Amino acid sequence: MSKRPLNRRELRAQVEAAEARGIPMGDAPGGRPRSRSEVRPLRDKPAAAPRTRVVWAVCDLGGRVVATFDYAEKAQAEARAADLKARGKGAHFVRSIKEPIGASGTSSDE
């Protein structure tokens, strides 16, 4: 069975009676209510993630990046992967990766 809801007028009368007797009723020591900063410290704002861009990366089967191409140059990236495979350099594939803006663009041969 649930408790009966508390009547705020009765609660207020109890608080006034306690204060009249000199009993502090606040949550904090000294009878004063706590301020918001005492209750919960403010959290630091998370650092903004660096801006990134999507590029096409030609990778070997180990996942190592052999070359990168701008997003608009997907055909060139696929041609590079096919060329490496045709030259007997092993199997290569093309995937999209995110890199921070300001990193180097297209990389050179192995």
PDB file of N, CA and C in Angstrom:
ATOM      1  N   MET A   1       0.838  -1.170   0.000  1.00  0.00           N
ATOM      2  CA  MET A   1       0.000   0.000   0.000  1.00  0.00           C
ATOM      3  C   MET A   1       0.888   1.240   0.000  1.00  0.00           C
ATOM      4  N   SER A   2       0.545   2.213  -0.787  1.00  0.00           N
ATOM      5  CA  SER A   2       1.372   3.414  -0.908  1.00  0.00           C
ATOM      6  C   SER A   2       1.078   4.385   0.227  1.00  0.00           C
ATOM      7  N   LYS A   3       2.047   5.271   0.431  1.00  0.00           N
ATOM      8  CA  LYS A   3       1.885   6.279   1.472  1.00  0.00           C
ATOM      9  C   LYS A   3       0.895   7.339   1.038  1.00  0.00           C
ATOM     10  N   ARG A   4       0.349   7.968   2.024  1.00  0.00           N
ATOM     11  CA  ARG A   4      -0.559   9.076   1.759  1.00  0.00           C
ATOM     12  C   ARG A   4       0.260  10.274   1.287  1.00  0.00           C
ATOM     13  N   PRO A   5      -0.188  11.013   0.267  1.00  0.00           N
ATOM     14  CA  PRO A   5       0.568  12.185  -0.191  1.00  0.00           C
ATOM     15  C   PRO A   5       0.712  13.195   0.941  1.00  0.00           C
ATOM     16  N   LEU A   6       1.881  13.830   0.995  1.00  0.00           N
ATOM     17  CA  LEU A   6       2.145  14.807   2.040  1.00  0.00           C
ATOM     18  C   LEU A   6       1.445  16.122   1.729  1.00  0.00           C
ATOM     19  N   ASN A   7       0.904  16.716   2.746  1.00  0.00           N
ATOM     20  CA  ASN A   7       0.226  17.992   2.616  1.00  0.00           C
ATOM     21  C   ASN A   7       1.270  19.082   2.821  1.00  0.00           C
ATOM     22  N   ARG A   8       1.452  19.947   1.851  1.00  0.00           N
ATOM     23  CA  ARG A   8       2.499  20.964   1.958  1.00  0.00           C
ATOM     24  C   ARG A   8       2.212  21.964   3.057  1.00  0.00           C
ATOM     25  N   ARG A   9       0.955  22.185   3.375  1.00  0.00           N
ATOM     26  CA  ARG A   9       0.627  23.110   4.465  1.00  0.00           C
ATOM     27  C   ARG A   9       1.053  22.519   5.817  1.00  0.00           C
ATOM     28  N   GLU A  10       0.846  21.210   5.975  1.00  0.00           N
ATOM     29  CA  GLU A  10       1.277  20.563   7.212  1.00  0.00           C
ATOM     30  C   GLU A  10       2.806  20.580   7.309  1.00  0.00           C
ATOM     31  N   LEU A  11       3.479  20.327   6.193  1.00  0.00           N
ATOM     32  CA  LEU A  11       4.935  20.353   6.182  1.00  0.00           C
ATOM     33  C   LEU A  11       5.455  21.751   6.519  1.00  0.00           C
ATOM     34  N   ARG A  12       4.813  22.775   5.977  1.00  0.00           N
ATOM     35  CA  ARG A  12       5.242  24.145   6.245  1.00  0.00           C
ATOM     36  C   ARG A  12       5.063  24.493   7.720  1.00  0.00           C
ATOM     37  N   ALA A  13       3.965  24.000   8.288  1.00  0.00           N
ATOM     38  CA  ALA A  13       3.714  24.250   9.717  1.00  0.00           C
ATOM     39  C   ALA A  13       4.788  23.566  10.562  1.00  0.00           C
ATOM     40  N   GLN A  14       5.204  22.364  10.190  1.00  0.00           N
ATOM     41  CA  GLN A  14       6.260  21.661  10.919  1.00  0.00           C
ATOM     42  C   GLN A  14       7.580  22.424  10.830  1.00  0.00           C
ATOM     43  N   VAL A  15       7.908  22.935   9.643  1.00  0.00           N
ATOM     44  CA  VAL A  15       9.153  23.677   9.450  1.00  0.00           C
ATOM     45  C   VAL A  15       9.134  24.960  10.287  1.00  0.00           C
ATOM     46  N   GLU A  16       8.010  25.684  10.274  1.00  0.00           N
ATOM     47  CA  GLU A  16       7.915  26.919  11.052  1.00  0.00           C
ATOM     48  C   GLU A  16       8.025  26.641  12.540  1.00  0.00           C
ATOM     49  N   ALA A  17       7.433  25.528  12.988  1.00  0.00           N
ATOM     50  CA  ALA A  17       7.524  25.182  14.408  1.00  0.00           C
ATOM     51  C   ALA A  17       8.963  24.846  14.785  1.00  0.00           C
ATOM     52  N   ALA A  18       9.668  24.137  13.935  1.00  0.00           N
ATOM     53  CA  ALA A  18      11.057  23.787  14.205  1.00  0.00           C
ATOM     54  C   ALA A  18      11.936  25.033  14.215  1.00  0.00           C
ATOM     55  N   GLU A  19      11.687  25.958  13.288  1.00  0.00           N
ATOM     56  CA  GLU A  19      12.470  27.198  13.251  1.00  0.00           C
ATOM     57  C   GLU A  19      12.200  28.049  14.484  1.00  0.00           C
ATOM     58  N   ALA A  20      10.968  28.018  14.978  1.00  0.00           N
ATOM     59  CA  ALA A  20      10.633  28.786  16.171  1.00  0.00           C
ATOM     60  C   ALA A  20      11.380  28.241  17.388  1.00  0.00           C
ATOM     61  N   ARG A  21      11.633  26.924  17.401  1.00  0.00           N
ATOM     62  CA  ARG A  21      12.385  26.309  18.493  1.00  0.00           C
ATOM     63  C   ARG A  21      13.894  26.464  18.301  1.00  0.00           C
ATOM     64  N   GLY A  22      14.318  27.003  17.149  1.00  0.00           N
ATOM     65  CA  GLY A  22      15.744  27.219  16.898  1.00  0.00           C
ATOM     66  C   GLY A  22      16.440  26.049  16.235  1.00  0.00           C
ATOM     67  N   ILE A  23      15.702  25.135  15.643  1.00  0.00           N
ATOM     68  CA  ILE A  23      16.290  23.978  14.962  1.00  0.00           C
ATOM     69  C   ILE A  23      16.472  24.335  13.483  1.00  0.00           C
ATOM     70  N   PRO A  24      17.716  24.297  12.974  1.00  0.00           N
ATOM     71  CA  PRO A  24      17.914  24.615  11.555  1.00  0.00           C
ATOM     72  C   PRO A  24      17.333  23.519  10.666  1.00  0.00           C
ATOM     73  N   MET A  25      16.659  23.891   9.591  1.00  0.00           N
ATOM     74  CA  MET A  25      16.002  22.925   8.717  1.00  0.00           C
ATOM     75  C   MET A  25      16.604  22.869   7.307  1.00  0.00           C
ATOM     76  N   GLY A  26      17.703  23.593   7.054  1.00  0.00           N
ATOM     77  CA  GLY A  26      18.304  23.575   5.721  1.00  0.00           C
ATOM     78  C   GLY A  26      19.080  22.291   5.479  1.00  0.00           C
ATOM     79  N   ASP A  27      19.421  21.992   4.221  1.00  0.00           N
ATOM     80  CA  ASP A  27      20.201  20.806   3.863  1.00  0.00           C
ATOM     81  C   ASP A  27      21.673  20.973   4.205  1.00  0.00           C
ATOM     82  N   ALA A  28      22.180  22.199   4.130  1.00  0.00           N
ATOM     83  CA  ALA A  28      23.601  22.453   4.347  1.00  0.00           C
ATOM     84  C   ALA A  28      23.842  22.750   5.822  1.00  0.00           C
ATOM     85  N   PRO A  29      25.086  22.591   6.267  1.00  0.00           N
ATOM     86  CA  PRO A  29      25.387  22.950   7.650  1.00  0.00           C
ATOM     87  C   PRO A  29      25.094  24.422   7.903  1.00  0.00           C
ATOM     88  N   GLY A  30      24.584  24.728   9.077  1.00  0.00           N
ATOM     89  CA  GLY A  30      24.289  26.117   9.412  1.00  0.00           C
ATOM     90  C   GLY A  30      22.864  26.507   9.077  1.00  0.00           C
ATOM     91  N   GLY A  31      22.063  25.589   8.526  1.00  0.00           N
ATOM     92  CA  GLY A  31      20.670  25.859   8.249  1.00  0.00           C
ATOM     93  C   GLY A  31      20.402  26.634   6.984  1.00  0.00           C
ATOM     94  N   ARG A  32      21.430  26.968   6.230  1.00  0.00           N
ATOM     95  CA  ARG A  32      21.180  27.712   4.991  1.00  0.00           C
ATOM     96  C   ARG A  32      21.042  26.725   3.832  1.00  0.00           C
ATOM     97  N   PRO A  33      20.162  27.004   2.890  1.00  0.00           N
ATOM     98  CA  PRO A  33      20.036  26.102   1.743  1.00  0.00           C
ATOM     99  C   PRO A  33      21.280  26.152   0.863  1.00  0.00           C
ATOM    100  N   ARG A  34      21.571  25.052   0.240  1.00  0.00           N
ATOM    101  CA  ARG A  34      22.756  24.986  -0.622  1.00  0.00           C
ATOM    102  C   ARG A  34      22.495  25.717  -1.937  1.00  0.00           C
ATOM    103  N   SER A  35      23.544  26.324  -2.440  1.00  0.00           N
ATOM    104  CA  SER A  35      23.414  26.944  -3.756  1.00  0.00           C
ATOM    105  C   SER A  35      23.635  25.868  -4.807  1.00  0.00           C
ATOM    106  N   ARG A  36      23.324  26.179  -6.044  1.00  0.00           N
ATOM    107  CA  ARG A  36      23.459  25.198  -7.123  1.00  0.00           C
ATOM    108  C   ARG A  36      24.893  24.732  -7.293  1.00  0.00           C
ATOM    109  N   SER A  37      25.850  25.632  -7.119  1.00  0.00           N
ATOM    110  CA  SER A  37      27.246  25.266  -7.328  1.00  0.00           C
ATOM    111  C   SER A  37      27.734  24.310  -6.246  1.00  0.00           C
ATOM    112  N   GLU A  38      27.158  24.388  -5.035  1.00  0.00           N
ATOM    113  CA  GLU A  38      27.541  23.455  -3.983  1.00  0.00           C
ATOM    114  C   GLU A  38      26.945  22.078  -4.206  1.00  0.00           C
ATOM    115  N   VAL A  39      25.803  22.042  -4.809  1.00  0.00           N
ATOM    116  CA  VAL A  39      25.131  20.771  -5.040  1.00  0.00           C
ATOM    117  C   VAL A  39      25.830  19.974  -6.129  1.00  0.00           C
ATOM    118  N   ARG A  40      26.109  20.601  -7.227  1.00  0.00           N
ATOM    119  CA  ARG A  40      26.682  19.896  -8.359  1.00  0.00           C
ATOM    120  C   ARG A  40      27.732  20.764  -9.030  1.00  0.00           C
ATOM    121  N   PRO A  41      28.990  20.314  -9.054  1.00  0.00           N
ATOM    122  CA  PRO A  41      30.005  21.112  -9.746  1.00  0.00           C
ATOM    123  C   PRO A  41      29.772  21.099 -11.255  1.00  0.00           C
ATOM    124  N   LEU A  42      30.119  22.197 -11.882  1.00  0.00           N
ATOM    125  CA  LEU A  42      29.932  22.297 -13.324  1.00  0.00           C
ATOM    126  C   LEU A  42      30.942  21.414 -14.041  1.00  0.00           C
ATOM    127  N   ARG A  43      30.505  20.788 -15.107  1.00  0.00           N
ATOM    128  CA  ARG A  43      31.382  19.933 -15.895  1.00  0.00           C
ATOM    129  C   ARG A  43      32.125  20.774 -16.922  1.00  0.00           C
ATOM    130  N   ASP A  44      33.317  20.309 -17.242  1.00  0.00           N
ATOM    131  CA  ASP A  44      34.077  20.980 -18.289  1.00  0.00           C
ATOM    132  C   ASP A  44      33.448  20.683 -19.637  1.00  0.00           C
ATOM    133  N   LYS A  45      33.492  21.661 -20.503  1.00  0.00           N
ATOM    134  CA  LYS A  45      32.962  21.468 -21.846  1.00  0.00           C
ATOM    135  C   LYS A  45      33.911  20.542 -22.602  1.00  0.00           C
ATOM    136  N   PRO A  46      33.381  19.517 -23.285  1.00  0.00           N
ATOM    137  CA  PRO A  46      34.278  18.614 -23.992  1.00  0.00           C
ATOM    138  C   PRO A  46      35.007  19.339 -25.124  1.00  0.00           C
ATOM    139  N   ALA A  47      36.231  18.922 -25.354  1.00  0.00           N
ATOM    140  CA  ALA A  47      37.027  19.548 -26.409  1.00  0.00           C
ATOM    141  C   ALA A  47      36.401  19.239 -27.770  1.00  0.00           C
ATOM    142  N   ALA A  48      36.400  20.228 -28.629  1.00  0.00           N
ATOM    143  CA  ALA A  48      35.835  20.043 -29.961  1.00  0.00           C
ATOM    144  C   ALA A  48      36.716  19.091 -30.757  1.00  0.00           C
ATOM    145  N   ALA A  49      36.086  18.173 -31.460  1.00  0.00           N
ATOM    146  CA  ALA A  49      36.828  17.214 -32.278  1.00  0.00           C
ATOM    147  C   ALA A  49      37.441  17.957 -33.467  1.00  0.00           C
ATOM    148  N   PRO A  50      38.614  17.533 -33.901  1.00  0.00           N
ATOM    149  CA  PRO A  50      39.216  18.213 -35.050  1.00  0.00           C
ATOM    150  C   PRO A  50      38.371  17.987 -36.303  1.00  0.00           C
ATOM    151  N   ARG A  51      38.359  18.969 -37.170  1.00  0.00           N
ATOM    152  CA  ARG A  51      37.599  18.841 -38.422  1.00  0.00           C
ATOM    153  C   ARG A  51      38.252  17.796 -39.296  1.00  0.00           C
ATOM    154  N   THR A  52      37.445  16.980 -39.924  1.00  0.00           N
ATOM    155  CA  THR A  52      37.966  15.909 -40.770  1.00  0.00           C
ATOM    156  C   THR A  52      37.355  15.997 -42.157  1.00  0.00           C
ATOM    157  N   ARG A  53      38.008  15.295 -43.074  1.00  0.00           N
ATOM    158  CA  ARG A  53      37.466  15.189 -44.427  1.00  0.00           C
ATOM    159  C   ARG A  53      37.557  13.727 -44.836  1.00  0.00           C
ATOM    160  N   VAL A  54      36.722  13.319 -45.787  1.00  0.00           N
ATOM    161  CA  VAL A  54      36.710  11.943 -46.267  1.00  0.00           C
ATOM    162  C   VAL A  54      37.578  11.856 -47.512  1.00  0.00           C
ATOM    163  N   VAL A  55      38.467  10.867 -47.518  1.00  0.00           N
ATOM    164  CA  VAL A  55      39.330  10.618 -48.668  1.00  0.00           C
ATOM    165  C   VAL A  55      39.250   9.138 -49.013  1.00  0.00           C
ATOM    166  N   TRP A  56      39.638   8.798 -50.235  1.00  0.00           N
ATOM    167  CA  TRP A  56      39.730   7.405 -50.649  1.00  0.00           C
ATOM    168  C   TRP A  56      41.147   6.935 -50.393  1.00  0.00           C
ATOM    169  N   ALA A  57      41.277   5.794 -49.742  1.00  0.00           N
ATOM    170  CA  ALA A  57      42.583   5.238 -49.429  1.00  0.00           C
ATOM    171  C   ALA A  57      42.748   3.914 -50.158  1.00  0.00           C
ATOM    172  N   VAL A  58      43.885   3.746 -50.834  1.00  0.00           N
ATOM    173  CA  VAL A  58      44.237   2.473 -51.447  1.00  0.00           C
ATOM    174  C   VAL A  58      45.031   1.712 -50.391  1.00  0.00           C
ATOM    175  N   CYS A  59      44.535   0.529 -50.002  1.00  0.00           N
ATOM    176  CA  CYS A  59      45.138  -0.236 -48.911  1.00  0.00           C
ATOM    177  C   CYS A  59      45.546  -1.618 -49.401  1.00  0.00           C
ATOM    178  N   ASP A  60      46.586  -2.194 -48.749  1.00  0.00           N
ATOM    179  CA  ASP A  60      46.946  -3.573 -49.046  1.00  0.00           C
ATOM    180  C   ASP A  60      46.109  -4.483 -48.142  1.00  0.00           C
ATOM    181  N   LEU A  61      46.322  -5.799 -48.239  1.00  0.00           N
ATOM    182  CA  LEU A  61      45.495  -6.720 -47.467  1.00  0.00           C
ATOM    183  C   LEU A  61      45.738  -6.605 -45.967  1.00  0.00           C
ATOM    184  N   GLY A  62      46.853  -6.053 -45.567  1.00  0.00           N
ATOM    185  CA  GLY A  62      47.113  -5.832 -44.154  1.00  0.00           C
ATOM    186  C   GLY A  62      46.422  -4.605 -43.609  1.00  0.00           C
ATOM    187  N   GLY A  63      45.780  -3.829 -44.459  1.00  0.00           N
ATOM    188  CA  GLY A  63      45.071  -2.632 -44.040  1.00  0.00           C
ATOM    189  C   GLY A  63      45.933  -1.387 -44.025  1.00  0.00           C
ATOM    190  N   ARG A  64      47.197  -1.499 -44.428  1.00  0.00           N
ATOM    191  CA  ARG A  64      48.083  -0.321 -44.454  1.00  0.00           C
ATOM    192  C   ARG A  64      47.731   0.550 -45.659  1.00  0.00           C
ATOM    193  N   VAL A  65      47.729   1.859 -45.443  1.00  0.00           N
ATOM    194  CA  VAL A  65      47.375   2.805 -46.502  1.00  0.00           C
ATOM    195  C   VAL A  65      48.582   2.980 -47.421  1.00  0.00           C
ATOM    196  N   VAL A  66      48.369   2.738 -48.722  1.00  0.00           N
ATOM    197  CA  VAL A  66      49.424   2.897 -49.721  1.00  0.00           C
ATOM    198  C   VAL A  66      49.356   4.284 -50.331  1.00  0.00           C
ATOM    199  N   ALA A  67      48.150   4.744 -50.634  1.00  0.00           N
ATOM    200  CA  ALA A  67      47.959   6.067 -51.230  1.00  0.00           C
ATOM    201  C   ALA A  67      46.583   6.592 -50.853  1.00  0.00           C
ATOM    202  N   THR A  68      46.453   7.929 -50.831  1.00  0.00           N
ATOM    203  CA  THR A  68      45.151   8.548 -50.572  1.00  0.00           C
ATOM    204  C   THR A  68      44.810   9.494 -51.710  1.00  0.00           C
ATOM    205  N   PHE A  69      43.529   9.599 -51.972  1.00  0.00           N
ATOM    206  CA  PHE A  69      43.022  10.470 -53.028  1.00  0.00           C
ATOM    207  C   PHE A  69      41.845  11.251 -52.482  1.00  0.00           C
ATOM    208  N   ASP A  70      41.626  12.452 -52.993  1.00  0.00           N
ATOM    209  CA  ASP A  70      40.473  13.247 -52.587  1.00  0.00           C
ATOM    210  C   ASP A  70      39.193  12.489 -52.887  1.00  0.00           C
ATOM    211  N   TYR A  71      38.118  12.888 -52.212  1.00  0.00           N
ATOM    212  CA  TYR A  71      36.854  12.176 -52.352  1.00  0.00           C
ATOM    213  C   TYR A  71      36.350  12.190 -53.801  1.00  0.00           C
ATOM    214  N   ALA A  72      36.595  13.248 -54.529  1.00  0.00           N
ATOM    215  CA  ALA A  72      36.116  13.357 -55.905  1.00  0.00           C
ATOM    216  C   ALA A  72      36.929  12.488 -56.867  1.00  0.00           C
ATOM    217  N   GLU A  73      38.046  11.931 -56.431  1.00  0.00           N
ATOM    218  CA  GLU A  73      38.944  11.168 -57.306  1.00  0.00           C
ATOM    219  C   GLU A  73      38.854   9.669 -57.064  1.00  0.00           C
ATOM    220  N   LYS A  74      37.646   9.143 -56.915  1.00  0.00           N
ATOM    221  CA  LYS A  74      37.462   7.722 -56.646  1.00  0.00           C
ATOM    222  C   LYS A  74      37.932   6.871 -57.822  1.00  0.00           C
ATOM    223  N   ALA A  75      37.677   7.314 -59.037  1.00  0.00           N
ATOM    224  CA  ALA A  75      38.090   6.543 -60.215  1.00  0.00           C
ATOM    225  C   ALA A  75      39.609   6.394 -60.252  1.00  0.00           C
ATOM    226  N   GLN A  76      40.330   7.450 -59.908  1.00  0.00           N
ATOM    227  CA  GLN A  76      41.790   7.384 -59.884  1.00  0.00           C
ATOM    228  C   GLN A  76      42.274   6.428 -58.790  1.00  0.00           C
ATOM    229  N   ALA A  77      41.605   6.403 -57.670  1.00  0.00           N
ATOM    230  CA  ALA A  77      41.980   5.494 -56.581  1.00  0.00           C
ATOM    231  C   ALA A  77      41.761   4.043 -57.003  1.00  0.00           C
ATOM    232  N   GLU A  78      40.643   3.772 -57.661  1.00  0.00           N
ATOM    233  CA  GLU A  78      40.386   2.404 -58.126  1.00  0.00           C
ATOM    234  C   GLU A  78      41.379   2.006 -59.206  1.00  0.00           C
ATOM    235  N   ALA A  79      41.749   2.950 -60.082  1.00  0.00           N
ATOM    236  CA  ALA A  79      42.750   2.656 -61.107  1.00  0.00           C
ATOM    237  C   ALA A  79      44.104   2.360 -60.464  1.00  0.00           C
ATOM    238  N   ARG A  80      44.463   3.072 -59.411  1.00  0.00           N
ATOM    239  CA  ARG A  80      45.730   2.826 -58.716  1.00  0.00           C
ATOM    240  C   ARG A  80      45.746   1.439 -58.084  1.00  0.00           C
ATOM    241  N   ALA A  81      44.624   1.034 -57.494  1.00  0.00           N
ATOM    242  CA  ALA A  81      44.529  -0.295 -56.894  1.00  0.00           C
ATOM    243  C   ALA A  81      44.652  -1.376 -57.963  1.00  0.00           C
ATOM    244  N   ALA A  82      44.002  -1.170 -59.108  1.00  0.00           N
ATOM    245  CA  ALA A  82      44.090  -2.137 -60.206  1.00  0.00           C
ATOM    246  C   ALA A  82      45.509  -2.191 -60.757  1.00  0.00           C
ATOM    247  N   ASP A  83      46.174  -1.049 -60.861  1.00  0.00           N
ATOM    248  CA  ASP A  83      47.546  -0.995 -61.368  1.00  0.00           C
ATOM    249  C   ASP A  83      48.504  -1.754 -60.440  1.00  0.00           C
ATOM    250  N   LEU A  84      48.364  -1.563 -59.137  1.00  0.00           N
ATOM    251  CA  LEU A  84      49.223  -2.273 -58.186  1.00  0.00           C
ATOM    252  C   LEU A  84      48.990  -3.781 -58.256  1.00  0.00           C
ATOM    253  N   LYS A  85      47.765  -4.172 -58.449  1.00  0.00           N
ATOM    254  CA  LYS A  85      47.451  -5.600 -58.553  1.00  0.00           C
ATOM    255  C   LYS A  85      48.030  -6.169 -59.843  1.00  0.00           C
ATOM    256  N   ALA A  86      47.948  -5.411 -60.921  1.00  0.00           N
ATOM    257  CA  ALA A  86      48.462  -5.873 -62.220  1.00  0.00           C
ATOM    258  C   ALA A  86      49.991  -5.973 -62.200  1.00  0.00           C
ATOM    259  N   ARG A  87      50.671  -5.111 -61.449  1.00  0.00           N
ATOM    260  CA  ARG A  87      52.130  -5.147 -61.377  1.00  0.00           C
ATOM    261  C   ARG A  87      52.642  -6.243 -60.437  1.00  0.00           C
ATOM    262  N   GLY A  88      51.732  -7.010 -59.839  1.00  0.00           N
ATOM    263  CA  GLY A  88      52.134  -8.097 -58.971  1.00  0.00           C
ATOM    264  C   GLY A  88      52.506  -7.640 -57.579  1.00  0.00           C
ATOM    265  N   LYS A  89      51.999  -6.517 -57.147  1.00  0.00           N
ATOM    266  CA  LYS A  89      52.302  -5.985 -55.813  1.00  0.00           C
ATOM    267  C   LYS A  89      51.355  -6.543 -54.752  1.00  0.00           C
ATOM    268  N   GLY A  90      50.543  -7.528 -55.098  1.00  0.00           N
ATOM    269  CA  GLY A  90      49.568  -8.099 -54.170  1.00  0.00           C
ATOM    270  C   GLY A  90      48.204  -7.469 -54.369  1.00  0.00           C
ATOM    271  N   ALA A  91      47.244  -7.977 -53.608  1.00  0.00           N
ATOM    272  CA  ALA A  91      45.876  -7.477 -53.729  1.00  0.00           C
ATOM    273  C   ALA A  91      45.748  -6.155 -52.956  1.00  0.00           C
ATOM    274  N   HIS A  92      45.074  -5.218 -53.553  1.00  0.00           N
ATOM    275  CA  HIS A  92      44.817  -3.922 -52.937  1.00  0.00           C
ATOM    276  C   HIS A  92      43.341  -3.603 -53.084  1.00  0.00           C
ATOM    277  N   PHE A  93      42.825  -2.801 -52.184  1.00  0.00           N
ATOM    278  CA  PHE A  93      41.427  -2.402 -52.255  1.00  0.00           C
ATOM    279  C   PHE A  93      41.300  -0.932 -51.895  1.00  0.00           C
ATOM    280  N   VAL A  94      40.135  -0.360 -52.212  1.00  0.00           N
ATOM    281  CA  VAL A  94      39.867   1.055 -51.979  1.00  0.00           C
ATOM    282  C   VAL A  94      38.803   1.167 -50.898  1.00  0.00           C
ATOM    283  N   ARG A  95      39.048   2.036 -49.924  1.00  0.00           N
ATOM    284  CA  ARG A  95      38.052   2.300 -48.892  1.00  0.00           C
ATOM    285  C   ARG A  95      38.094   3.782 -48.535  1.00  0.00           C
ATOM    286  N   SER A  96      37.000   4.251 -47.972  1.00  0.00           N
ATOM    287  CA  SER A  96      36.955   5.656 -47.541  1.00  0.00           C
ATOM    288  C   SER A  96      37.416   5.737 -46.093  1.00  0.00           C
ATOM    289  N   ILE A  97      38.201   6.751 -45.793  1.00  0.00           N
ATOM    290  CA  ILE A  97      38.660   6.998 -44.426  1.00  0.00           C
ATOM    291  C   ILE A  97      38.512   8.484 -44.125  1.00  0.00           C
ATOM    292  N   LYS A  98      38.489   8.818 -42.840  1.00  0.00           N
ATOM    293  CA  LYS A  98      38.443  10.218 -42.423  1.00  0.00           C
ATOM    294  C   LYS A  98      39.832  10.599 -41.947  1.00  0.00           C
ATOM    295  N   GLU A  99      40.294  11.759 -42.403  1.00  0.00           N
ATOM    296  CA  GLU A  99      41.591  12.264 -41.947  1.00  0.00           C
ATOM    297  C   GLU A  99      41.420  13.721 -41.548  1.00  0.00           C
ATOM    298  N   PRO A 100      42.226  14.200 -40.624  1.00  0.00           N
ATOM    299  CA  PRO A 100      42.108  15.601 -40.211  1.00  0.00           C
ATOM    300  C   PRO A 100      42.401  16.552 -41.374  1.00  0.00           C
ATOM    301  N   ILE A 101      41.691  17.644 -41.416  1.00  0.00           N
ATOM    302  CA  ILE A 101      41.939  18.627 -42.459  1.00  0.00           C
ATOM    303  C   ILE A 101      43.310  19.233 -42.223  1.00  0.00           C
ATOM    304  N   GLY A 102      44.068  19.372 -43.285  1.00  0.00           N
ATOM    305  CA  GLY A 102      45.429  19.895 -43.180  1.00  0.00           C
ATOM    306  C   GLY A 102      46.446  18.801 -43.367  1.00  0.00           C
ATOM    307  N   ALA A 103      46.009  17.524 -43.366  1.00  0.00           N
ATOM    308  CA  ALA A 103      46.941  16.427 -43.644  1.00  0.00           C
ATOM    309  C   ALA A 103      47.264  16.439 -45.139  1.00  0.00           C
ATOM    310  N   SER A 104      48.335  15.733 -45.499  1.00  0.00           N
ATOM    311  CA  SER A 104      48.755  15.733 -46.897  1.00  0.00           C
ATOM    312  C   SER A 104      47.693  15.105 -47.795  1.00  0.00           C
ATOM    313  N   GLY A 105      47.690  15.502 -49.016  1.00  0.00           N
ATOM    314  CA  GLY A 105      46.716  15.019 -49.995  1.00  0.00           C
ATOM    315  C   GLY A 105      47.103  13.658 -50.529  1.00  0.00           C
ATOM    316  N   THR A 106      47.407  13.591 -51.841  1.00  0.00           N
ATOM    317  CA  THR A 106      47.733  12.331 -52.484  1.00  0.00           C
ATOM    318  C   THR A 106      49.164  11.937 -52.137  1.00  0.00           C
ATOM    319  N   SER A 107      49.340  10.686 -51.719  1.00  0.00           N
ATOM    320  CA  SER A 107      50.684  10.233 -51.402  1.00  0.00           C
ATOM    321  C   SER A 107      51.330   9.556 -52.605  1.00  0.00           C
ATOM    322  N   SER A 108      52.610   9.293 -52.506  1.00  0.00           N
ATOM    323  CA  SER A 108      53.360   8.745 -53.655  1.00  0.00           C
ATOM    324  C   SER A 108      53.360   7.231 -53.628  1.00  0.00           C
ATOM    325  N   ASP A 109      54.058   6.622 -54.629  1.00  0.00           N
ATOM    326  CA  ASP A 109      54.170   5.159 -54.749  1.00  0.00           C
ATOM    327  C   ASP A 109      54.878   4.563 -53.558  1.00  0.00           C
ATOM    328  N   GLU A 110      54.837   3.214 -53.500  1.00  0.00           N
ATOM    329  CA  GLU A 110      55.533   2.499 -52.433  1.00  0.00           C
ATOM    330  C   GLU A 110      57.011   2.683 -52.522  1.00  0.00           C
TER     331      GLU A 110
END
